[in-house]
C-alpha atoms as a PDB file:
ATOM      1  CA  MET A   1      -7.131   1.158   3.598  1.00  0.00           C
ATOM      2  CA  THR A   2      -4.375   0.947   6.202  1.00  0.00           C
ATOM      3  CA  PHE A   3      -0.719   2.451   5.084  1.00  0.00           C
ATOM      4  CA  ALA A   4       2.089   2.206   7.057  1.00  0.00           C
ATOM      5  CA  VAL A   5       5.214   5.408   6.569  1.00  0.00           C
ATOM      6  CA  THR A   6       8.632   5.163   8.161  1.00  0.00           C
ATOM      7  CA  GLY A   7      10.491   8.222   8.014  1.00  0.00           C
ATOM      8  CA  ALA A   8       6.786   9.873   9.359  1.00  0.00           C
ATOM      9  CA  SER A   9       8.594  12.875  10.744  1.00  0.00           C
ATOM     10  CA  GLY A  10      10.602  14.067   7.761  1.00  0.00           C
ATOM     11  CA  HIS A  11       9.243  16.234   5.193  1.00  0.00           C
ATOM     12  CA  ILE A  12       7.847  13.652   2.579  1.00  0.00           C
ATOM     13  CA  GLY A  13       6.448  11.460   5.587  1.00  0.00           C
ATOM     14  CA  ASN A  14       4.929  14.530   7.641  1.00  0.00           C
ATOM     15  CA  ASN A  15       3.328  15.463   4.084  1.00  0.00           C
ATOM     16  CA  LEU A  16       2.845  11.729   3.086  1.00  0.00           C
ATOM     17  CA  CYS A  17       0.804  10.583   6.273  1.00  0.00           C
ATOM     18  CA  LYS A  18      -1.256  13.737   6.371  1.00  0.00           C
ATOM     19  CA  GLU A  19      -2.616  13.570   2.130  1.00  0.00           C
ATOM     20  CA  LEU A  20      -3.290   9.478   2.633  1.00  0.00           C
ATOM     21  CA  VAL A  21      -5.612  11.098   5.937  1.00  0.00           C
ATOM     22  CA  LYS A  22      -6.969  13.732   3.833  1.00  0.00           C
ATOM     23  CA  ARG A  23      -8.214  10.903   1.347  1.00  0.00           C
ATOM     24  CA  GLY A  24      -9.861   8.879   3.444  1.00  0.00           C
ATOM     25  CA  HIS A  25      -7.178   6.108   4.703  1.00  0.00           C
ATOM     26  CA  LYS A  26      -5.672   5.184   7.980  1.00  0.00           C
ATOM     27  CA  VAL A  27      -2.182   5.944   8.518  1.00  0.00           C
ATOM     28  CA  LYS A  28       0.148   4.223  11.185  1.00  0.00           C
ATOM     29  CA  ALA A  29       3.853   6.178  11.312  1.00  0.00           C
ATOM     30  CA  LEU A  30       6.850   5.437  12.494  1.00  0.00           C
ATOM     31  CA  LEU A  31       8.490   7.900  14.714  1.00  0.00           C
ATOM     32  CA  TYR A  32      11.356   7.901  16.460  1.00  0.00           C
ATOM     33  CA  GLU A  33      10.508  11.021  18.312  1.00  0.00           C
ATOM     34  CA  ASP A  34       7.547  13.189  19.094  1.00  0.00           C
ATOM     35  CA  VAL A  35       6.138  14.911  16.312  1.00  0.00           C
ATOM     36  CA  ASP A  36       3.152  17.108  17.950  1.00  0.00           C
ATOM     37  CA  ASP A  37       2.047  17.934  14.268  1.00  0.00           C
ATOM     38  CA  LEU A  38       0.918  14.016  13.550  1.00  0.00           C
ATOM     39  CA  LYS A  39      -1.218  14.065  16.746  1.00  0.00           C
ATOM     40  CA  MET A  40      -4.575  13.979  14.426  1.00  0.00           C
ATOM     41  CA  PRO A  41      -7.591  11.932  13.561  1.00  0.00           C
ATOM     42  CA  GLY A  42      -6.828   8.784  11.485  1.00  0.00           C
ATOM     43  CA  ILE A  43      -3.144   9.006  12.261  1.00  0.00           C
ATOM     44  CA  GLU A  44      -1.733   5.941  15.021  1.00  0.00           C
ATOM     45  CA  LEU A  45       1.947   6.967  15.923  1.00  0.00           C
ATOM     46  CA  VAL A  46       4.165   4.120  16.258  1.00  0.00           C
ATOM     47  CA  ARG A  47       7.269   4.898  18.543  1.00  0.00           C
ATOM     48  CA  GLY A  48      10.538   2.548  17.280  1.00  0.00           C
ATOM     49  CA  ASP A  49      12.786   2.823  14.335  1.00  0.00           C
ATOM     50  CA  VAL A  50      13.809   0.831  11.170  1.00  0.00           C
ATOM     51  CA  THR A  51      17.067  -1.017  12.641  1.00  0.00           C
ATOM     52  CA  ASP A  52      14.158  -2.266  15.292  1.00  0.00           C
ATOM     53  CA  LYS A  53      12.195  -5.290  13.655  1.00  0.00           C
ATOM     54  CA  ILE A  54      10.019  -5.689  16.466  1.00  0.00           C
ATOM     55  CA  SER A  55       8.680  -1.999  16.194  1.00  0.00           C
ATOM     56  CA  LEU A  56       8.562  -2.648  12.303  1.00  0.00           C
ATOM     57  CA  MET A  57       6.477  -5.392  13.170  1.00  0.00           C
ATOM     58  CA  ASP A  58       3.916  -3.638  14.966  1.00  0.00           C
ATOM     59  CA  LEU A  59       3.899  -0.725  12.663  1.00  0.00           C
ATOM     60  CA  CYS A  60       3.159  -3.089   9.891  1.00  0.00           C
ATOM     61  CA  LYS A  61       0.571  -5.544  11.309  1.00  0.00           C
ATOM     62  CA  GLY A  62      -3.005  -4.982   9.659  1.00  0.00           C
ATOM     63  CA  VAL A  63      -1.702  -2.775   7.182  1.00  0.00           C
ATOM     64  CA  ASP A  64      -2.287  -3.030   3.250  1.00  0.00           C
ATOM     65  CA  PHE A  65       0.779  -0.968   2.002  1.00  0.00           C
ATOM     66  CA  VAL A  66       3.993   0.051   3.059  1.00  0.00           C
ATOM     67  CA  PHE A  67       6.143   3.703   2.384  1.00  0.00           C
ATOM     68  CA  HIS A  68       9.397   3.213   3.443  1.00  0.00           C
ATOM     69  CA  LEU A  69      11.083   6.944   3.411  1.00  0.00           C
ATOM     70  CA  ALA A  70      13.276   6.683   6.306  1.00  0.00           C
ATOM     71  CA  ALA A  71      16.953   7.098   5.567  1.00  0.00           C
ATOM     72  CA  ARG A  72      19.865   8.841   7.330  1.00  0.00           C
ATOM     73  CA  ILE A  73      20.699  11.924   5.239  1.00  0.00           C
ATOM     74  CA  VAL A  74      24.250  13.378   5.398  1.00  0.00           C
ATOM     75  CA  ILE A  75      26.782  15.773   2.946  1.00  0.00           C
ATOM     76  CA  ASP A  76      29.950  14.642   4.129  1.00  0.00           C
ATOM     77  CA  GLU A  77      31.294  11.805   5.936  1.00  0.00           C
ATOM     78  CA  ASN A  78      30.298  12.001   9.412  1.00  0.00           C
ATOM     79  CA  ASP A  79      27.872   9.200  10.998  1.00  0.00           C
ATOM     80  CA  ARG A  80      29.093   6.324   8.675  1.00  0.00           C
ATOM     81  CA  GLU A  81      27.888   3.298  10.569  1.00  0.00           C
ATOM     82  CA  LEU A  82      24.716   5.137  11.607  1.00  0.00           C
ATOM     83  CA  VAL A  83      23.806   5.935   7.614  1.00  0.00           C
ATOM     84  CA  TYR A  84      24.855   2.277   7.108  1.00  0.00           C
ATOM     85  CA  ARG A  85      22.481   0.837   9.787  1.00  0.00           C
ATOM     86  CA  THR A  86      19.511   2.953   8.878  1.00  0.00           C
ATOM     87  CA  ASN A  87      19.610   3.290   5.123  1.00  0.00           C
ATOM     88  CA  VAL A  88      20.616  -0.937   4.421  1.00  0.00           C
ATOM     89  CA  LEU A  89      19.929  -2.425   7.680  1.00  0.00           C
ATOM     90  CA  GLY A  90      16.930  -0.701   7.724  1.00  0.00           C
ATOM     91  CA  THR A  91      15.401  -1.401   4.535  1.00  0.00           C
ATOM     92  CA  GLN A  92      16.541  -5.321   4.988  1.00  0.00           C
ATOM     93  CA  ASN A  93      13.997  -4.954   7.985  1.00  0.00           C
ATOM     94  CA  ILE A  94      11.559  -3.567   6.395  1.00  0.00           C
ATOM     95  CA  ILE A  95      11.744  -5.888   3.265  1.00  0.00           C
ATOM     96  CA  GLU A  96      11.740  -8.999   6.035  1.00  0.00           C
ATOM     97  CA  VAL A  97       8.648  -7.620   8.050  1.00  0.00           C
ATOM     98  CA  CYS A  98       6.923  -6.497   4.612  1.00  0.00           C
ATOM     99  CA  LYS A  99       7.008 -10.598   3.643  1.00  0.00           C
ATOM    100  CA  SER A 100       6.146 -11.521   7.083  1.00  0.00           C
ATOM    101  CA  GLU A 101       3.120  -9.625   7.602  1.00  0.00           C
ATOM    102  CA  LYS A 102       2.059 -10.038   3.636  1.00  0.00           C
ATOM    103  CA  VAL A 103       1.624  -6.203   3.227  1.00  0.00           C
ATOM    104  CA  LYS A 104       0.240  -6.049  -0.855  1.00  0.00           C
ATOM    105  CA  ARG A 105       2.753  -3.417  -1.442  1.00  0.00           C
ATOM    106  CA  LEU A 106       6.199  -1.716  -0.487  1.00  0.00           C
ATOM    107  CA  ILE A 107       6.922   1.599  -1.981  1.00  0.00           C
ATOM    108  CA  HIS A 108      10.809   2.200  -1.204  1.00  0.00           C
ATOM    109  CA  PHE A 109      11.974   5.959  -1.208  1.00  0.00           C
ATOM    110  CA  SER A 110      15.586   5.932  -3.259  1.00  0.00           C
ATOM    111  CA  THR A 111      17.267   9.269  -4.611  1.00  0.00           C
ATOM    112  CA  ILE A 112      17.938  10.121  -7.855  1.00  0.00           C
ATOM    113  CA  HIS A 113      21.769   9.680  -7.141  1.00  0.00           C
ATOM    114  CA  ALA A 114      21.154   6.244  -7.616  1.00  0.00           C
ATOM    115  CA  PHE A 115      21.630   6.835 -11.644  1.00  0.00           C
ATOM    116  CA  ASP A 116      24.925   7.105 -13.172  1.00  0.00           C
ATOM    117  CA  PRO A 117      24.947  11.101 -14.209  1.00  0.00           C
ATOM    118  CA  VAL A 118      27.340  10.197 -16.653  1.00  0.00           C
ATOM    119  CA  PRO A 119      26.618  11.109 -19.974  1.00  0.00           C
ATOM    120  CA  MET A 120      25.528  14.416 -18.886  1.00  0.00           C
ATOM    121  CA  ASP A 121      24.536  15.454 -22.359  1.00  0.00           C
ATOM    122  CA  LYS A 122      22.250  12.411 -22.560  1.00  0.00           C
ATOM    123  CA  MET A 123      18.623  12.635 -20.932  1.00  0.00           C
ATOM    124  CA  LEU A 124      18.461  10.962 -17.389  1.00  0.00           C
ATOM    125  CA  ASP A 125      15.218   8.233 -17.426  1.00  0.00           C
ATOM    126  CA  GLU A 126      14.480   4.854 -15.704  1.00  0.00           C
ATOM    127  CA  THR A 127      16.636   2.989 -18.181  1.00  0.00           C
ATOM    128  CA  ARG A 128      19.639   4.625 -16.969  1.00  0.00           C
ATOM    129  CA  LYS A 129      22.494   2.317 -15.074  1.00  0.00           C
ATOM    130  CA  GLN A 130      23.163   2.060 -11.644  1.00  0.00           C
ATOM    131  CA  LEU A 131      25.438   3.981 -10.533  1.00  0.00           C
ATOM    132  CA  LYS A 132      28.394   1.743  -9.974  1.00  0.00           C
ATOM    133  CA  HIS A 133      31.170   3.642  -8.245  1.00  0.00           C
ATOM    134  CA  THR A 134      30.622   6.260  -5.332  1.00  0.00           C
ATOM    135  CA  LYS A 135      32.913   7.942  -2.404  1.00  0.00           C
ATOM    136  CA  MET A 136      29.549   9.431  -0.548  1.00  0.00           C
ATOM    137  CA  ILE A 137      28.135   7.347   2.255  1.00  0.00           C
ATOM    138  CA  TYR A 138      24.706   8.712   1.613  1.00  0.00           C
ATOM    139  CA  GLU A 139      24.745   7.607  -2.210  1.00  0.00           C
ATOM    140  CA  GLN A 140      26.570   4.005  -1.451  1.00  0.00           C
ATOM    141  CA  SER A 141      24.067   3.498   1.248  1.00  0.00           C
ATOM    142  CA  LYS A 142      20.987   4.373  -0.775  1.00  0.00           C
ATOM    143  CA  ILE A 143      22.140   2.499  -3.690  1.00  0.00           C
ATOM    144  CA  GLU A 144      22.978  -0.952  -1.252  1.00  0.00           C
ATOM    145  CA  ALA A 145      19.260  -0.228   0.003  1.00  0.00           C
ATOM    146  CA  GLU A 146      17.888  -0.364  -3.419  1.00  0.00           C
ATOM    147  CA  ASN A 147      19.818  -3.236  -4.436  1.00  0.00           C
ATOM    148  CA  LEU A 148      18.101  -5.352  -1.369  1.00  0.00           C
ATOM    149  CA  VAL A 149      14.424  -4.172  -2.871  1.00  0.00           C
ATOM    150  CA  LEU A 150      15.235  -5.249  -6.541  1.00  0.00           C
ATOM    151  CA  LYS A 151      16.264  -8.497  -5.004  1.00  0.00           C
ATOM    152  CA  ALA A 152      13.638  -8.926  -3.221  1.00  0.00           C
ATOM    153  CA  MET A 153      11.003  -8.141  -5.817  1.00  0.00           C
ATOM    154  CA  LYS A 154      12.911 -11.030  -7.851  1.00  0.00           C
ATOM    155  CA  GLU A 155      11.698 -13.226  -4.776  1.00  0.00           C
ATOM    156  CA  GLY A 156       8.240 -11.862  -5.153  1.00  0.00           C
ATOM    157  CA  LEU A 157       7.847  -9.169  -3.311  1.00  0.00           C
ATOM    158  CA  ASP A 158       5.338  -6.871  -5.078  1.00  0.00           C
ATOM    159  CA  ALA A 159       7.379  -3.327  -4.340  1.00  0.00           C
ATOM    160  CA  VAL A 160       7.588  -0.152  -6.265  1.00  0.00           C
ATOM    161  CA  ILE A 161      10.844   2.290  -6.339  1.00  0.00           C
ATOM    162  CA  VAL A 162      10.253   5.973  -6.507  1.00  0.00           C
ATOM    163  CA  TYR A 163      12.868   8.639  -7.147  1.00  0.00           C
ATOM    164  CA  PRO A 164      12.443  11.905  -6.054  1.00  0.00           C
ATOM    165  CA  THR A 165      14.869  14.551  -6.822  1.00  0.00           C
ATOM    166  CA  ALA A 166      15.583  17.607  -4.448  1.00  0.00           C
ATOM    167  CA  ILE A 167      12.404  17.915  -2.515  1.00  0.00           C
ATOM    168  CA  PHE A 168      11.723  21.551  -1.067  1.00  0.00           C
ATOM    169  CA  GLY A 169       8.230  22.810  -0.432  1.00  0.00           C
ATOM    170  CA  PRO A 170       5.653  23.339   2.364  1.00  0.00           C
ATOM    171  CA  ASN A 171       5.400  21.905   6.108  1.00  0.00           C
ATOM    172  CA  ASP A 172       9.211  21.586   6.113  1.00  0.00           C
ATOM    173  CA  PHE A 173       8.941  21.352  10.163  1.00  0.00           C
ATOM    174  CA  LYS A 174      13.106  20.469  11.219  1.00  0.00           C
ATOM    175  CA  PRO A 175      13.678  22.336   8.725  1.00  0.00           C
ATOM    176  CA  SER A 176      15.975  20.206   6.094  1.00  0.00           C
ATOM    177  CA  LEU A 177      19.306  20.562   4.827  1.00  0.00           C
ATOM    178  CA  LEU A 178      17.522  21.662   2.037  1.00  0.00           C
ATOM    179  CA  GLY A 179      15.285  23.914   3.977  1.00  0.00           C
ATOM    180  CA  GLN A 180      17.646  25.363   6.031  1.00  0.00           C
ATOM    181  CA  ALA A 181      19.403  26.345   2.926  1.00  0.00           C
ATOM    182  CA  LEU A 182      16.696  28.444   1.369  1.00  0.00           C
ATOM    183  CA  ILE A 183      16.292  30.172   4.158  1.00  0.00           C
ATOM    184  CA  ARG A 184      19.612  31.266   4.816  1.00  0.00           C
ATOM    185  CA  MET A 185      18.848  32.560   1.124  1.00  0.00           C
ATOM    186  CA  TYR A 186      16.178  34.222   2.271  1.00  0.00           C
ATOM    187  CA  ASN A 187      17.787  35.865   5.243  1.00  0.00           C
ATOM    188  CA  ASN A 188      20.995  36.892   2.940  1.00  0.00           C
ATOM    189  CA  SER A 189      23.318  35.112   5.131  1.00  0.00           C
ATOM    190  CA  LEU A 190      24.993  32.688   2.762  1.00  0.00           C
ATOM    191  CA  PRO A 191      29.014  33.901   2.553  1.00  0.00           C
ATOM    192  CA  MET A 192      28.060  32.757  -1.677  1.00  0.00           C
ATOM    193  CA  LEU A 193      26.764  30.719  -4.086  1.00  0.00           C
ATOM    194  CA  VAL A 194      28.121  27.841  -5.516  1.00  0.00           C
ATOM    195  CA  LYS A 195      27.911  27.296  -9.340  1.00  0.00           C
ATOM    196  CA  GLY A 196      25.516  24.217 -10.121  1.00  0.00           C
ATOM    197  CA  GLY A 197      22.254  24.034  -9.495  1.00  0.00           C
ATOM    198  CA  TYR A 198      19.577  20.936  -9.021  1.00  0.00           C
ATOM    199  CA  ASN A 199      16.295  19.759 -10.526  1.00  0.00           C
ATOM    200  CA  TRP A 200      13.812  21.040  -7.461  1.00  0.00           C
ATOM    201  CA  VAL A 201      10.521  19.183  -6.939  1.00  0.00           C
ATOM    202  CA  ASP A 202       7.663  20.042  -4.779  1.00  0.00           C
ATOM    203  CA  VAL A 203       7.086  17.891  -1.747  1.00  0.00           C
ATOM    204  CA  ARG A 204       3.467  18.123  -2.603  1.00  0.00           C
ATOM    205  CA  ASP A 205       4.014  16.642  -5.736  1.00  0.00           C
ATOM    206  CA  VAL A 206       6.240  13.939  -4.425  1.00  0.00           C
ATOM    207  CA  VAL A 207       3.298  12.745  -2.257  1.00  0.00           C
ATOM    208  CA  ASP A 208       1.352  12.488  -5.028  1.00  0.00           C
ATOM    209  CA  GLY A 209       3.253  10.689  -7.259  1.00  0.00           C
ATOM    210  CA  ALA A 210       4.359   8.292  -4.621  1.00  0.00           C
ATOM    211  CA  ILE A 211       0.767   7.704  -3.830  1.00  0.00           C
ATOM    212  CA  ALA A 212       0.143   6.898  -7.838  1.00  0.00           C
ATOM    213  CA  ALA A 213       2.640   4.498  -7.924  1.00  0.00           C
ATOM    214  CA  CYS A 214       1.302   2.613  -5.114  1.00  0.00           C
ATOM    215  CA  MET A 215      -2.167   2.274  -6.482  1.00  0.00           C
ATOM    216  CA  GLU A 216      -1.401   2.525 -10.268  1.00  0.00           C
ATOM    217  CA  GLY A 217       2.630   1.532 -10.821  1.00  0.00           C
ATOM    218  CA  ARG A 218       3.514  -1.944 -11.687  1.00  0.00           C
ATOM    219  CA  LYS A 219       4.759  -4.379  -9.715  1.00  0.00           C
ATOM    220  CA  GLY A 220       8.331  -4.007 -10.025  1.00  0.00           C
ATOM    221  CA  GLU A 221       9.321  -0.829 -11.852  1.00  0.00           C
ATOM    222  CA  LYS A 222      11.132   2.277 -11.195  1.00  0.00           C
ATOM    223  CA  TYR A 223       9.382   5.987 -11.846  1.00  0.00           C
ATOM    224  CA  ILE A 224      11.256   9.455 -11.629  1.00  0.00           C
ATOM    225  CA  LEU A 225       9.524  12.022  -9.628  1.00  0.00           C
ATOM    226  CA  SER A 226      11.536  15.330 -10.940  1.00  0.00           C
ATOM    227  CA  GLY A 227      10.300  18.666 -11.442  1.00  0.00           C
ATOM    228  CA  HIS A 228      12.758  21.774 -12.694  1.00  0.00           C
ATOM    229  CA  TRP A 229      16.409  22.503 -12.874  1.00  0.00           C
ATOM    230  CA  MET A 230      17.600  25.615 -11.876  1.00  0.00           C
ATOM    231  CA  SER A 231      20.884  27.254 -10.736  1.00  0.00           C
ATOM    232  CA  LEU A 232      21.445  28.534  -6.777  1.00  0.00           C
ATOM    233  CA  THR A 233      22.094  31.520  -8.185  1.00  0.00           C
ATOM    234  CA  ASP A 234      18.889  31.389 -10.368  1.00  0.00           C
ATOM    235  CA  LEU A 235      17.015  30.271  -7.859  1.00  0.00           C
ATOM    236  CA  SER A 236      17.937  32.860  -5.175  1.00  0.00           C
ATOM    237  CA  ALA A 237      17.538  35.371  -7.627  1.00  0.00           C
ATOM    238  CA  LYS A 238      13.880  34.277  -7.880  1.00  0.00           C
ATOM    239  CA  ILE A 239      12.972  33.808  -4.177  1.00  0.00           C
ATOM    240  CA  GLY A 240      14.387  37.432  -3.779  1.00  0.00           C
ATOM    241  CA  ALA A 241      11.930  38.552  -6.567  1.00  0.00           C
ATOM    242  CA  ILE A 242       8.761  36.626  -4.875  1.00  0.00           C
ATOM    243  CA  THR A 243       9.753  37.698  -1.021  1.00  0.00           C
ATOM    244  CA  ASN A 244      10.890  40.910  -2.260  1.00  0.00           C
ATOM    245  CA  ARG A 245      14.170  40.308  -0.355  1.00  0.00           C
ATOM    246  CA  LYS A 246      17.991  40.834  -1.063  1.00  0.00           C
ATOM    247  CA  THR A 247      19.216  37.329  -1.366  1.00  0.00           C
ATOM    248  CA  PRO A 248      22.768  36.117  -2.072  1.00  0.00           C
ATOM    249  CA  ARG A 249      24.362  36.664  -5.214  1.00  0.00           C
ATOM    250  CA  LEU A 250      27.884  36.221  -5.727  1.00  0.00           C
ATOM    251  CA  THR A 251      28.783  32.586  -7.061  1.00  0.00           C
ATOM    252  CA  ALA A 252      32.015  30.858  -6.651  1.00  0.00           C
ATOM    253  CA  SER A 253      33.464  28.642  -8.984  1.00  0.00           C
ATOM    254  CA  TYR A 254      33.973  24.904  -7.732  1.00  0.00           C
ATOM    255  CA  TRP A 255      37.512  24.949  -7.043  1.00  0.00           C
ATOM    256  CA  LEU A 256      37.066  27.995  -5.310  1.00  0.00           C
ATOM    257  CA  ALA A 257      34.095  26.671  -3.487  1.00  0.00           C
ATOM    258  CA  ARG A 258      36.677  24.122  -2.139  1.00  0.00           C
ATOM    259  CA  ILE A 259      39.307  26.492  -1.372  1.00  0.00           C
ATOM    260  CA  GLY A 260      36.636  28.150   1.611  1.00  0.00           C
ATOM    261  CA  ILE A 261      35.142  25.074   2.670  1.00  0.00           C
ATOM    262  CA  PRO A 262      37.408  25.285   5.846  1.00  0.00           C
ATOM    263  CA  PHE A 263      36.464  28.362   6.763  1.00  0.00           C
ATOM    264  CA  ILE A 264      32.487  27.735   6.218  1.00  0.00           C
ATOM    265  CA  GLN A 265      32.645  24.839   8.625  1.00  0.00           C
ATOM    266  CA  LEU A 266      34.212  26.460  10.660  1.00  0.00           C
ATOM    267  CA  TYR A 267      31.756  29.379  10.415  1.00  0.00           C
ATOM    268  CA  ALA A 268      28.786  26.808  10.405  1.00  0.00           C
ATOM    269  CA  LYS A 269      30.793  25.398  13.644  1.00  0.00           C
ATOM    270  CA  LEU A 270      30.457  28.511  16.014  1.00  0.00           C
ATOM    271  CA  LYS A 271      27.010  29.177  14.861  1.00  0.00           C
ATOM    272  CA  LYS A 272      25.957  25.676  15.801  1.00  0.00           C
ATOM    273  CA  GLU A 273      24.447  24.792  12.166  1.00  0.00           C
ATOM    274  CA  HIS A 274      25.174  21.806   9.569  1.00  0.00           C
ATOM    275  CA  PRO A 275      27.481  23.406   6.966  1.00  0.00           C
ATOM    276  CA  LEU A 276      26.061  23.376   3.950  1.00  0.00           C
ATOM    277  CA  TYR A 277      28.872  23.450   1.809  1.00  0.00           C
ATOM    278  CA  THR A 278      31.204  20.115   1.728  1.00  0.00           C
ATOM    279  CA  ASN A 279      33.146  18.368  -0.594  1.00  0.00           C
ATOM    280  CA  ASP A 280      30.426  16.037  -0.875  1.00  0.00           C
ATOM    281  CA  MET A 281      27.762  18.944  -1.748  1.00  0.00           C
ATOM    282  CA  ILE A 282      30.465  20.389  -4.184  1.00  0.00           C
ATOM    283  CA  ASP A 283      30.383  16.997  -5.786  1.00  0.00           C
ATOM    284  CA  ILE A 284      26.617  17.027  -5.879  1.00  0.00           C
ATOM    285  CA  LEU A 285      26.086  20.112  -7.388  1.00  0.00           C
ATOM    286  CA  LYS A 286      29.292  19.538 -10.223  1.00  0.00           C
ATOM    287  CA  MET A 287      27.266  16.188 -11.314  1.00  0.00           C
ATOM    288  CA  SER A 288      23.752  17.336 -11.044  1.00  0.00           C
ATOM    289  CA  HIS A 289      21.944  16.489 -14.409  1.00  0.00           C
ATOM    290  CA  GLN A 290      20.150  19.137 -15.821  1.00  0.00           C
ATOM    291  CA  ASN A 291      17.628  16.772 -18.147  1.00  0.00           C
ATOM    292  CA  ILE A 292      15.732  14.602 -15.951  1.00  0.00           C
ATOM    293  CA  SER A 293      13.107  13.069 -17.445  1.00  0.00           C
ATOM    294  CA  CYS A 294       9.457  12.009 -15.569  1.00  0.00           C
ATOM    295  CA  GLU A 295       7.459  11.025 -18.752  1.00  0.00           C
ATOM    296  CA  LYS A 296       7.193   7.089 -17.171  1.00  0.00           C
ATOM    297  CA  ALA A 297       5.379   8.553 -14.236  1.00  0.00           C
ATOM    298  CA  LYS A 298       3.321  11.210 -16.616  1.00  0.00           C
ATOM    299  CA  ASN A 299       2.117   8.382 -18.771  1.00  0.00           C
ATOM    300  CA  GLU A 300       1.766   5.685 -16.065  1.00  0.00           C
ATOM    301  CA  LEU A 301       0.905   7.212 -13.194  1.00  0.00           C
ATOM    302  CA  GLY A 302      -0.416  10.792 -14.463  1.00  0.00           C
ATOM    303  CA  TYR A 303       1.765  12.225 -12.301  1.00  0.00           C
ATOM    304  CA  HIS A 304       2.983  15.953 -12.775  1.00  0.00           C
ATOM    305  CA  SER A 305       5.401  18.871 -11.302  1.00  0.00           C
ATOM    306  CA  ARG A 306       3.750  22.513 -10.756  1.00  0.00           C
ATOM    307  CA  PRO A 307       5.815  25.550 -11.678  1.00  0.00           C
ATOM    308  CA  ILE A 308       8.593  26.519  -9.120  1.00  0.00           C
ATOM    309  CA  GLU A 309       7.178  29.864  -8.322  1.00  0.00           C
ATOM    310  CA  GLU A 310       4.132  28.470  -7.408  1.00  0.00           C
ATOM    311  CA  SER A 311       6.705  26.102  -4.981  1.00  0.00           C
ATOM    312  CA  ILE A 312       8.649  28.968  -3.784  1.00  0.00           C
ATOM    313  CA  ARG A 313       5.596  30.876  -2.651  1.00  0.00           C
ATOM    314  CA  ASP A 314       3.907  28.131  -0.839  1.00  0.00           C
ATOM    315  CA  THR A 315       7.617  27.145   0.820  1.00  0.00           C
ATOM    316  CA  PHE A 316       8.300  30.799   2.382  1.00  0.00           C
ATOM    317  CA  ASN A 317       4.653  31.339   3.121  1.00  0.00           C
ATOM    318  CA  SER A 318       4.719  27.950   5.391  1.00  0.00           C
ATOM    319  CA  PHE A 319       8.210  29.182   6.665  1.00  0.00           C
ATOM    320  CA  LYS A 320       6.477  32.434   8.244  1.00  0.00           C
ATOM    321  CA  GLN A 321       3.338  30.682   9.698  1.00  0.00           C
ATOM    322  CA  HIS A 322       5.652  28.193  11.411  1.00  0.00           C
ATOM    323  CA  GLY A 323       8.175  31.549  12.936  1.00  0.00           C
ATOM    324  CA  MET A 324      10.816  30.124  11.054  1.00  0.00           C
ATOM    325  CA  LEU A 325      11.514  33.616   9.128  1.00  0.00           C
END
């Protein structure tokens, strides 16, 4: 079978392309920029992006299934227009091309942030209502994109939506924003940690779950692909224990972290790095749900998430192998 992958140069996309080839499939990978790591037998590289329908038609011609991962991720309010064009209009484009090319199934990657986290004391699963109001452009754009897919489903498109939580794991080459945060923990270069945490999931488990959703998932269904919740403080301590490094321990409350944001942003600008703490980031941490269920994916797809200690160990071994530490 032949699969098309948008966002192939990203952390999930890179791992997904390689896993599909490993399983004996052919892959057409949409790339905005050259990625030497994907120049391998079994992968056809297609230059373009999701805002260009012509390149999408080239990507989807002759394929059986499409994985739509391409998205612009931000944790501040920069590049609002670019985020909207990529995440919303890009999704509309891929839907239209899937229809015209008669693709068998579209697997759309949404985000766990598309669900309303409130109430926080009740388990969050696929029956949870969609988040209705958010000031964050990333969340807003992903919700609008998801609604386009839901509308297309009602009109007859065979599609499945998957919802990963906070992704980390091997082969994070760029690295991602979360990958950058992990590297700074390893180097003990974060000025402080912030109260709160994430549900962490290994990229390899997300890839396995997405492929299972494609091959075995029910048409029109939603599947949460989650892992294990852990606070930033506990994660930093676990990274230190596994890697035998001194890692950050000082943890600030939300209000104190907000006071420090201007200084953090200035420090990041001087270091030519992304500021990992922004007001949006703190809001996400504050509303990070601690009880996210992947039971539906387990029961219907055979999904599982590996121990977080294994993911941490393999993540930092990968960073070392690629000269990033």
